[in-house]
């Protein structure tokens, strides 16, 4: 990326993170206006879809924003050619094509511009600067990668993983590496920073405790999966570090990241509009849970306007104590398919803690699957051979946490596999 462009973007982000809310709204609407006009003029998909918001004289009626249809993953999967722009302004730069990780079963094929990648990379760099990551310090990333050089025992060592820092060193290791080998590798290369999925970091912490191994890092950073309370507790208890988490999507880029003061997620409002909506598409209030709907400002190659990524979240009603005025996710709850729904019509986001369940069923790994509105399967990898489980105790605990009218079955497994994308889900509802 062009060094002056990076420097200019970062300087702007340093200022915009403190904009008053009305100034940020004006900032966003300038970018949205450009995006909407481009999408209407340059794509087949949006030629008529955006009609509700345009008035005579090519003006935009922002009061009609909610009349624009929500864009679904299926829409994007089924309309690649119609969503692709016929032409681009020079400022957009080059275009790349890629696919999402496919964590929901079917990947999304998408286009991105150099300009969008610049904005996302600079928002990530701002996040690293918030937390004092030194560009010259070695980082280790354990993640899904197709690069054969990232295999154990060495991993792939290269520079420039941080935008604007050509000599920022990192070593990548494939997530397919066993946890024992991951631990050996980390002790051997001695990185200052560990960056991996929260479920993988939790498993490293568990195995380190079990084997008496000492793993120590200046900072631990998580991404790609929603970090559950169980993961957070395990990571914090072992590493004595709060996991610094980033939320993003392949087709969007950086969306939010942990604040260094409040530890809530600051939304990168300069590059993406975030809406929290109910099931009918109406905005929910602060502190209320809803669907996360996104509009990235800089992807002119394939505009994604009011895109439902399938995640759920809660925006805080209070400004952050750090002084930044960027909006804040109070909670990120993950995929809609992780919501459990019960026979009486109620629903909840499941939160079960491994350390609270271990007296009933000791496990190295667990996954809770809802098959019907009254039947839950607890899949687990036994912590000990020939262990004795307390199904009645576990059932009572899960009923207390989730719903009193559920049945629980146990399934012992040798291993609970990750998805092809390398991600892992603690909770999965098969109830439509």
Protein backbone atom coordinates (compact mmCIF):
# COMPACT_ATOMS: atom_id res chain seq x y z
CA UNK A 1 0.00 0.00 0.00
CA UNK A 2 1.12 3.52 -0.73
CA UNK A 3 2.96 4.85 2.33
CA UNK A 4 1.69 8.48 2.09
CA UNK A 5 -1.89 7.16 1.72
CA UNK A 6 -1.48 5.00 4.83
CA UNK A 7 -0.01 7.86 6.84
CA UNK A 8 -2.80 10.23 5.77
CA UNK A 9 -5.53 7.71 6.58
CA UNK A 10 -4.06 7.02 10.03
CA UNK A 11 -3.80 10.74 10.78
CA UNK A 12 -7.46 11.12 9.85
CA UNK A 13 -8.47 8.19 12.07
CA UNK A 14 -6.64 9.75 15.01
CA UNK A 15 -8.96 12.74 14.70
CA UNK A 16 -12.25 11.11 13.71
CA UNK A 17 -12.28 8.79 16.74
CA UNK A 18 -13.08 11.88 18.81
CA UNK A 19 -15.73 13.45 16.54
CA UNK A 20 -19.01 14.50 18.20
CA UNK A 21 -21.86 12.14 17.18
CA UNK A 22 -23.54 14.69 14.89
CA UNK A 23 -20.23 15.32 13.09
CA UNK A 24 -19.71 11.56 12.69
CA UNK A 25 -23.18 11.22 11.20
CA UNK A 26 -22.38 13.95 8.67
CA UNK A 27 -19.05 12.23 7.90
CA UNK A 28 -20.79 8.90 7.32
CA UNK A 29 -23.52 10.40 5.16
CA UNK A 30 -20.99 11.97 2.82
CA UNK A 31 -19.47 8.53 2.25
CA UNK A 32 -22.87 6.85 2.06
CA UNK A 33 -24.09 9.36 -0.51
CA UNK A 34 -21.15 8.57 -2.77
CA UNK A 35 -21.70 4.83 -2.31
CA UNK A 36 -25.45 4.98 -2.99
CA UNK A 37 -25.11 7.01 -6.19
CA UNK A 38 -22.33 4.76 -7.45
CA UNK A 39 -24.31 1.59 -6.67
CA UNK A 40 -27.43 2.92 -8.42
CA UNK A 41 -25.52 4.03 -11.52
CA UNK A 42 -22.95 1.23 -11.86
CA UNK A 43 -24.67 -2.00 -10.77
CA UNK A 44 -27.63 -3.91 -12.12
CA UNK A 45 -28.65 -5.07 -8.65
CA UNK A 46 -29.16 -1.61 -7.15
CA UNK A 47 -30.57 0.17 -10.21
CA UNK A 48 -34.13 0.07 -8.82
CA UNK A 49 -33.50 -1.20 -5.29
CA UNK A 50 -32.37 2.23 -4.03
CA UNK A 51 -35.33 4.16 -5.46
CA UNK A 52 -36.99 4.75 -2.04
CA UNK A 53 -34.16 6.97 -0.85
CA UNK A 54 -33.62 9.21 -3.89
CA UNK A 55 -35.65 12.36 -4.50
CA UNK A 56 -35.81 14.81 -7.38
CA UNK A 57 -32.57 16.58 -8.15
CA UNK A 58 -30.61 13.47 -7.13
CA UNK A 59 -30.94 14.36 -3.44
CA UNK A 60 -31.08 11.71 -0.75
CA UNK A 61 -33.91 11.46 1.76
CA UNK A 62 -32.18 10.03 4.81
CA UNK A 63 -35.52 9.64 6.59
CA UNK A 64 -36.29 6.89 4.05
CA UNK A 65 -33.16 4.87 4.87
CA UNK A 66 -35.15 2.13 6.62
CA UNK A 67 -37.19 1.57 3.47
CA UNK A 68 -34.14 0.09 1.73
CA UNK A 69 -34.32 -3.72 1.72
CA UNK A 70 -31.94 -5.76 3.86
CA UNK A 71 -29.25 -7.54 1.84
CA UNK A 72 -28.88 -11.21 2.84
CA UNK A 73 -25.99 -13.62 2.39
CA UNK A 74 -28.18 -15.53 -0.06
CA UNK A 75 -28.64 -12.33 -2.09
CA UNK A 76 -24.87 -11.93 -2.34
CA UNK A 77 -24.30 -15.62 -3.13
CA UNK A 78 -26.92 -15.62 -5.89
CA UNK A 79 -26.22 -12.21 -7.49
CA UNK A 80 -22.46 -11.89 -7.88
CA UNK A 81 -22.56 -10.48 -11.43
CA UNK A 82 -25.45 -8.12 -10.72
CA UNK A 83 -23.73 -6.72 -7.62
CA UNK A 84 -20.38 -6.16 -9.36
CA UNK A 85 -19.84 -2.56 -10.51
CA UNK A 86 -19.39 -1.97 -14.23
CA UNK A 87 -16.78 0.75 -13.65
CA UNK A 88 -14.92 2.34 -10.75
CA UNK A 89 -13.51 5.78 -9.96
CA UNK A 90 -9.70 5.93 -10.03
CA UNK A 91 -9.58 6.47 -6.25
CA UNK A 92 -10.92 2.95 -5.68
CA UNK A 93 -7.67 1.42 -6.93
CA UNK A 94 -7.39 -2.19 -7.99
CA UNK A 95 -9.94 -4.96 -7.43
CA UNK A 96 -9.45 -8.42 -5.91
CA UNK A 97 -11.84 -11.37 -5.81
CA UNK A 98 -12.07 -13.76 -2.86
CA UNK A 99 -14.49 -15.93 -0.89
CA UNK A 100 -15.48 -15.80 2.76
CA UNK A 101 -14.50 -18.56 5.16
CA UNK A 102 -17.82 -20.31 4.73
CA UNK A 103 -18.39 -20.75 8.46
CA UNK A 104 -22.15 -20.87 7.84
CA UNK A 105 -21.83 -23.73 5.35
CA UNK A 106 -21.72 -21.86 2.03
CA UNK A 107 -18.98 -19.31 1.27
CA UNK A 108 -19.69 -15.86 -0.10
CA UNK A 109 -17.86 -14.84 -3.26
CA UNK A 110 -17.06 -11.13 -3.23
CA UNK A 111 -14.97 -8.30 -4.68
CA UNK A 112 -12.94 -5.74 -2.76
CA UNK A 113 -11.11 -2.59 -3.77
CA UNK A 114 -7.66 -1.42 -2.73
CA UNK A 115 -9.35 1.54 -1.05
CA UNK A 116 -11.50 -0.70 1.14
CA UNK A 117 -8.49 -2.81 2.10
CA UNK A 118 -6.57 0.37 2.97
CA UNK A 119 -9.34 1.56 5.28
CA UNK A 120 -9.69 -1.81 7.01
CA UNK A 121 -5.92 -2.20 7.44
CA UNK A 122 -5.60 1.29 8.91
CA UNK A 123 -8.43 0.63 11.38
CA UNK A 124 -6.62 -2.54 12.46
CA UNK A 125 -3.39 -0.58 12.82
CA UNK A 126 -5.15 2.00 14.98
CA UNK A 127 -6.32 -0.88 17.17
CA UNK A 128 -2.73 -2.15 17.51
CA UNK A 129 -1.56 1.34 18.42
CA UNK A 130 -4.31 1.66 21.06
CA UNK A 131 -2.83 -1.36 22.82
CA UNK A 132 0.82 -0.42 22.40
CA UNK A 133 1.93 -3.26 20.09
CA UNK A 134 5.51 -2.60 19.07
CA UNK A 135 6.00 -2.97 15.30
CA UNK A 136 9.44 -4.56 15.76
CA UNK A 137 8.23 -7.23 18.22
CA UNK A 138 7.61 -10.74 16.89
CA UNK A 139 3.99 -11.88 16.53
CA UNK A 140 2.81 -15.47 16.15
CA UNK A 141 -0.44 -16.15 14.32
CA UNK A 142 -2.13 -19.56 14.48
CA UNK A 143 -4.99 -19.62 11.99
CA UNK A 144 -6.48 -21.33 8.96
CA UNK A 145 -4.19 -20.90 5.98
CA UNK A 146 -3.68 -22.71 2.70
CA UNK A 147 -0.03 -21.68 2.43
CA UNK A 148 2.06 -24.88 2.72
CA UNK A 149 4.95 -22.90 4.23
CA UNK A 150 2.87 -22.36 7.38
CA UNK A 151 3.17 -26.02 8.38
CA UNK A 152 4.77 -27.23 11.59
CA UNK A 153 7.63 -27.38 12.67
CA UNK A 154 8.75 -24.00 11.30
CA UNK A 155 5.76 -22.01 10.13
CA UNK A 156 5.96 -19.17 7.63
CA UNK A 157 8.09 -16.22 8.74
CA UNK A 158 7.68 -12.91 6.94
CA UNK A 159 7.53 -9.16 7.51
CA UNK A 160 5.02 -6.40 6.94
CA UNK A 161 1.94 -7.87 8.64
CA UNK A 162 1.06 -4.39 9.89
CA UNK A 163 0.23 -1.63 7.44
CA UNK A 164 2.81 1.15 7.44
CA UNK A 165 5.48 -1.03 9.08
CA UNK A 166 7.58 -2.84 6.49
CA UNK A 167 9.69 -4.60 9.11
CA UNK A 168 6.93 -5.87 11.40
CA UNK A 169 7.82 -9.59 11.85
CA UNK A 170 5.28 -12.41 12.11
CA UNK A 171 5.31 -16.19 11.93
CA UNK A 172 2.18 -17.99 10.70
CA UNK A 173 1.27 -21.53 11.71
CA UNK A 174 -1.66 -23.53 10.38
CA UNK A 175 -4.50 -24.22 12.82
CA UNK A 176 -4.33 -27.88 11.71
CA UNK A 177 -1.24 -28.25 13.95
CA UNK A 178 -1.90 -30.30 17.10
CA UNK A 179 -2.07 -28.32 20.32
CA UNK A 180 0.96 -30.11 21.70
CA UNK A 181 2.98 -29.06 18.67
CA UNK A 182 1.58 -25.54 18.86
CA UNK A 183 2.87 -25.27 22.42
CA UNK A 184 6.31 -26.59 21.46
CA UNK A 185 6.45 -24.15 18.54
CA UNK A 186 5.45 -21.17 20.68
CA UNK A 187 8.08 -21.99 23.34
CA UNK A 188 10.70 -22.33 20.60
CA UNK A 189 10.05 -19.12 18.63
CA UNK A 190 9.24 -17.00 21.73
CA UNK A 191 6.87 -14.40 20.22
CA UNK A 192 5.89 -11.26 22.11
CA UNK A 193 2.31 -11.51 20.86
CA UNK A 194 0.06 -14.53 20.31
CA UNK A 195 -2.76 -14.06 17.78
CA UNK A 196 -5.25 -16.86 17.25
CA UNK A 197 -8.89 -17.91 17.50
CA UNK A 198 -10.29 -17.63 21.05
CA UNK A 199 -11.28 -21.31 21.08
CA UNK A 200 -7.72 -22.27 20.16
CA UNK A 201 -6.27 -19.98 22.83
CA UNK A 202 -8.61 -21.52 25.40
CA UNK A 203 -7.42 -25.00 24.46
CA UNK A 204 -3.77 -23.95 24.69
CA UNK A 205 -4.46 -22.56 28.18
CA UNK A 206 -6.20 -25.78 29.24
CA UNK A 207 -3.40 -28.00 27.94
CA UNK A 208 -0.71 -25.78 29.48
CA UNK A 209 -2.37 -26.09 32.89
CA UNK A 210 -2.71 -29.84 32.49
CA UNK A 211 0.94 -30.35 31.49
CA UNK A 212 2.44 -27.71 33.77
CA UNK A 213 3.78 -25.78 30.75
CA UNK A 214 4.48 -22.07 31.05
CA UNK A 215 3.43 -19.95 28.08
CA UNK A 216 3.97 -16.22 28.47
CA UNK A 217 3.28 -13.35 26.07
CA UNK A 218 3.21 -9.58 26.34
CA UNK A 219 -0.29 -9.53 24.80
CA UNK A 220 -2.80 -12.10 23.54
CA UNK A 221 -5.07 -11.16 20.65
CA UNK A 222 -8.14 -13.00 19.36
CA UNK A 223 -10.15 -12.76 16.14
CA UNK A 224 -12.44 -14.62 13.70
CA UNK A 225 -14.73 -16.21 16.33
CA UNK A 226 -17.07 -14.62 18.83
CA UNK A 227 -15.33 -14.87 22.18
CA UNK A 228 -17.60 -16.58 24.70
CA UNK A 229 -17.45 -15.93 28.43
CA UNK A 230 -16.04 -19.42 28.92
CA UNK A 231 -13.21 -18.64 26.51
CA UNK A 232 -12.56 -15.26 28.11
CA UNK A 233 -12.36 -16.70 31.62
CA UNK A 234 -10.00 -19.52 30.61
CA UNK A 235 -7.68 -17.17 28.69
CA UNK A 236 -7.59 -14.55 31.44
CA UNK A 237 -7.05 -17.09 34.22
CA UNK A 238 -4.06 -18.74 32.54
CA UNK A 239 -2.32 -15.95 30.64
CA UNK A 240 -3.13 -13.21 33.17
CA UNK A 241 -3.98 -11.06 30.17
CA UNK A 242 -7.31 -9.79 28.93
CA UNK A 243 -7.79 -11.11 25.37
CA UNK A 244 -7.74 -8.18 22.94
CA UNK A 245 -10.41 -9.02 20.43
CA UNK A 246 -11.20 -7.83 16.91
CA UNK A 247 -14.48 -8.34 15.09
CA UNK A 248 -14.63 -8.38 11.32
CA UNK A 249 -15.89 -10.24 8.26
CA UNK A 250 -14.00 -11.33 5.17
CA UNK A 251 -16.22 -9.37 2.80
CA UNK A 252 -16.31 -6.29 5.08
CA UNK A 253 -12.91 -6.06 6.79
CA UNK A 254 -12.35 -4.56 10.25
CA UNK A 255 -15.60 -3.73 12.08
CA UNK A 256 -14.65 -3.23 15.74
CA UNK A 257 -11.95 -3.85 18.32
CA UNK A 258 -11.42 -3.92 22.08
CA UNK A 259 -11.00 -0.55 23.79
CA UNK A 260 -7.81 -0.32 25.90
CA UNK A 261 -9.79 1.24 28.78
CA UNK A 262 -13.30 -0.24 28.91
CA UNK A 263 -12.51 -3.52 27.06
CA UNK A 264 -15.74 -3.07 25.11
CA UNK A 265 -15.62 -3.01 21.30
CA UNK A 266 -15.23 0.33 19.54
CA UNK A 267 -16.93 0.32 16.12
CA UNK A 268 -14.84 1.66 13.23
CA UNK A 269 -17.58 4.11 12.26
CA UNK A 270 -15.32 5.82 9.71
CA UNK A 271 -15.37 2.78 7.39
CA UNK A 272 -18.65 0.97 8.12
CA UNK A 273 -22.20 1.85 9.17
CA UNK A 274 -23.51 -0.54 11.84
CA UNK A 275 -27.25 -1.00 12.44
CA UNK A 276 -28.82 -3.22 15.12
CA UNK A 277 -32.26 -4.37 13.98
CA UNK A 278 -35.04 -6.61 15.27
CA UNK A 279 -36.51 -9.52 13.31
CA UNK A 280 -38.85 -7.15 11.43
CA UNK A 281 -36.02 -4.84 10.35
CA UNK A 282 -36.74 -2.08 12.85
CA UNK A 283 -33.90 -0.46 14.83
CA UNK A 284 -33.64 -1.63 18.43
CA UNK A 285 -32.66 0.71 21.21
CA UNK A 286 -29.31 0.90 22.97
CA UNK A 287 -28.74 -2.04 25.34
CA UNK A 288 -31.15 -4.19 23.25
CA UNK A 289 -30.01 -7.24 21.31
CA UNK A 290 -30.55 -7.45 17.57
CA UNK A 291 -29.23 -8.42 14.16
CA UNK A 292 -26.03 -6.74 13.01
CA UNK A 293 -26.55 -5.09 9.61
CA UNK A 294 -23.54 -3.48 7.92
CA UNK A 295 -22.79 -1.05 5.11
CA UNK A 296 -19.06 -0.71 4.28
CA UNK A 297 -18.37 2.70 2.74
CA UNK A 298 -15.37 2.00 0.54
CA UNK A 299 -16.22 -1.15 -1.38
CA UNK A 300 -17.28 0.37 -4.67
CA UNK A 301 -16.46 -2.83 -6.60
CA UNK A 302 -19.32 -4.73 -4.94
CA UNK A 303 -21.48 -2.47 -2.77
CA UNK A 304 -22.99 -4.26 0.23
CA UNK A 305 -25.77 -1.93 1.37
CA UNK A 306 -27.57 -2.93 4.58
CA UNK A 307 -25.92 -6.37 4.63
CA UNK A 308 -27.08 -8.83 7.29
CA UNK A 309 -23.95 -10.80 8.21
CA UNK A 310 -25.87 -13.23 10.43
CA UNK A 311 -24.38 -12.01 13.73
CA UNK A 312 -26.11 -10.45 16.71
CA UNK A 313 -24.97 -7.72 19.07
CA UNK A 314 -25.83 -5.02 21.59
CA UNK A 315 -24.74 -1.38 21.35
CA UNK A 316 -24.00 0.48 24.58
CA UNK A 317 -26.16 3.43 25.61
CA UNK A 318 -23.27 5.09 27.43
CA UNK A 319 -20.23 6.76 25.84
CA UNK A 320 -16.95 4.99 26.45
CA UNK A 321 -14.92 6.06 29.47
CA UNK A 322 -11.78 6.32 27.30
CA UNK A 323 -12.99 9.59 25.76
CA UNK A 324 -13.31 8.26 22.22
CA UNK A 325 -16.72 8.99 20.73
CA UNK A 326 -16.82 5.97 18.43
CA UNK A 327 -19.94 3.88 19.11
CA UNK A 328 -19.45 0.82 21.30
CA UNK A 329 -20.59 -2.78 21.11
CA UNK A 330 -21.48 -3.73 24.66
CA UNK A 331 -21.72 -7.37 23.61
CA UNK A 332 -21.13 -9.40 20.46
CA UNK A 333 -23.21 -12.57 20.46
CA UNK A 334 -22.24 -14.42 17.32
CA UNK A 335 -24.36 -16.19 14.75
CA UNK A 336 -28.14 -16.11 14.78
CA UNK A 337 -28.04 -19.92 14.51
CA UNK A 338 -26.56 -20.04 18.01
CA UNK A 339 -29.78 -18.78 19.63
CA UNK A 340 -31.65 -21.52 21.51
CA UNK A 341 -35.46 -21.49 21.23
CA UNK A 342 -37.75 -23.41 23.58
CA UNK A 343 -41.21 -25.01 23.69
CA UNK A 344 -42.91 -22.03 25.34
CA UNK A 345 -41.69 -19.64 22.63
CA UNK A 346 -38.90 -18.10 24.69
CA UNK A 347 -35.34 -17.89 23.43
CA UNK A 348 -31.92 -17.15 24.89
CA UNK A 349 -28.29 -16.84 24.03
CA UNK A 350 -26.63 -19.87 25.70
CA UNK A 351 -23.88 -19.16 28.22
CA UNK A 352 -22.43 -22.24 29.94
CA UNK A 353 -19.08 -22.16 31.73
CA UNK A 354 -16.69 -25.07 31.47
CA UNK A 355 -15.38 -24.66 35.00
CA UNK A 356 -18.95 -24.82 36.35
CA UNK A 357 -19.80 -27.95 34.34
CA UNK A 358 -16.57 -29.85 35.07
CA UNK A 359 -17.82 -31.29 38.41
CA UNK A 360 -20.58 -33.02 36.43
CA UNK A 361 -18.78 -33.88 33.18
CA UNK A 362 -15.03 -33.27 33.02
CA UNK A 363 -14.14 -32.38 29.43
CA UNK A 364 -11.21 -31.27 27.34
CA UNK A 365 -13.61 -29.73 24.83
CA UNK A 366 -17.39 -29.38 24.62
CA UNK A 367 -20.12 -28.37 22.22
CA UNK A 368 -23.80 -27.88 23.03
CA UNK A 369 -26.20 -28.73 20.19
CA UNK A 370 -29.94 -28.05 20.28
CA UNK A 371 -31.81 -30.62 18.13
CA UNK A 372 -35.39 -29.73 19.08
CA UNK A 373 -37.02 -27.13 21.30
CA UNK A 374 -36.74 -29.54 24.23
CA UNK A 375 -33.69 -31.70 23.40
CA UNK A 376 -30.07 -30.71 23.86
CA UNK A 377 -27.01 -32.83 23.17
CA UNK A 378 -23.86 -32.19 25.20
CA UNK A 379 -20.89 -33.34 23.13
CA UNK A 380 -17.64 -33.65 25.01
CA UNK A 381 -14.11 -34.97 24.80
CA UNK A 382 -13.54 -36.78 28.14
CA UNK A 383 -10.85 -35.35 30.37
CA UNK A 384 -10.07 -38.77 31.86
CA UNK A 385 -10.37 -42.37 30.75
CA UNK A 386 -13.27 -44.23 32.40
CA UNK A 387 -14.51 -41.07 34.09
CA UNK A 388 -17.84 -41.14 35.89
CA UNK A 389 -20.27 -38.46 34.72
CA UNK A 390 -23.15 -36.89 36.63
CA UNK A 391 -25.82 -36.45 33.94
CA UNK A 392 -28.46 -35.46 36.49
CA UNK A 393 -26.21 -32.72 37.86
CA UNK A 394 -25.32 -31.46 34.37
CA UNK A 395 -29.01 -31.47 33.36
CA UNK A 396 -29.94 -29.47 36.46
CA UNK A 397 -27.16 -26.95 35.70
CA UNK A 398 -28.17 -26.53 32.04
CA UNK A 399 -31.86 -26.22 32.96
CA UNK A 400 -30.97 -23.53 35.46
CA UNK A 401 -28.90 -21.67 32.87
CA UNK A 402 -31.12 -22.11 29.81
CA UNK A 403 -34.65 -23.41 30.41
CA UNK A 404 -36.35 -25.75 32.93
CA UNK A 405 -38.14 -27.88 30.28
CA UNK A 406 -35.22 -29.43 28.40
CA UNK A 407 -33.73 -32.90 28.16
CA UNK A 408 -29.97 -33.40 28.01
CA UNK A 409 -28.10 -36.30 26.43
CA UNK A 410 -24.35 -36.97 26.57
CA UNK A 411 -22.16 -37.91 23.63
CA UNK A 412 -18.49 -38.69 24.23
CA UNK A 413 -16.25 -37.89 21.27
CA UNK A 414 -12.58 -38.30 20.44
CA UNK A 415 -12.48 -34.81 19.00
CA UNK A 416 -14.88 -32.02 18.10
CA UNK A 417 -13.81 -30.84 14.68
CA UNK A 418 -13.48 -27.27 13.51
CA UNK A 419 -15.33 -26.13 10.41
CA UNK A 420 -13.42 -26.03 7.08
CA UNK A 421 -12.80 -22.34 7.81
CA UNK A 422 -10.87 -23.28 10.97
CA UNK A 423 -13.50 -21.80 13.26
CA UNK A 424 -15.23 -23.52 16.15
CA UNK A 425 -18.66 -23.09 17.71
CA UNK A 426 -19.42 -23.87 21.35
CA UNK A 427 -23.17 -23.65 20.70
CA UNK A 428 -25.19 -24.71 17.68
CA UNK A 429 -28.98 -24.70 17.27
CA UNK A 430 -30.52 -26.93 14.61
CA UNK A 431 -33.99 -25.55 15.40
CA UNK A 432 -35.41 -23.39 12.63
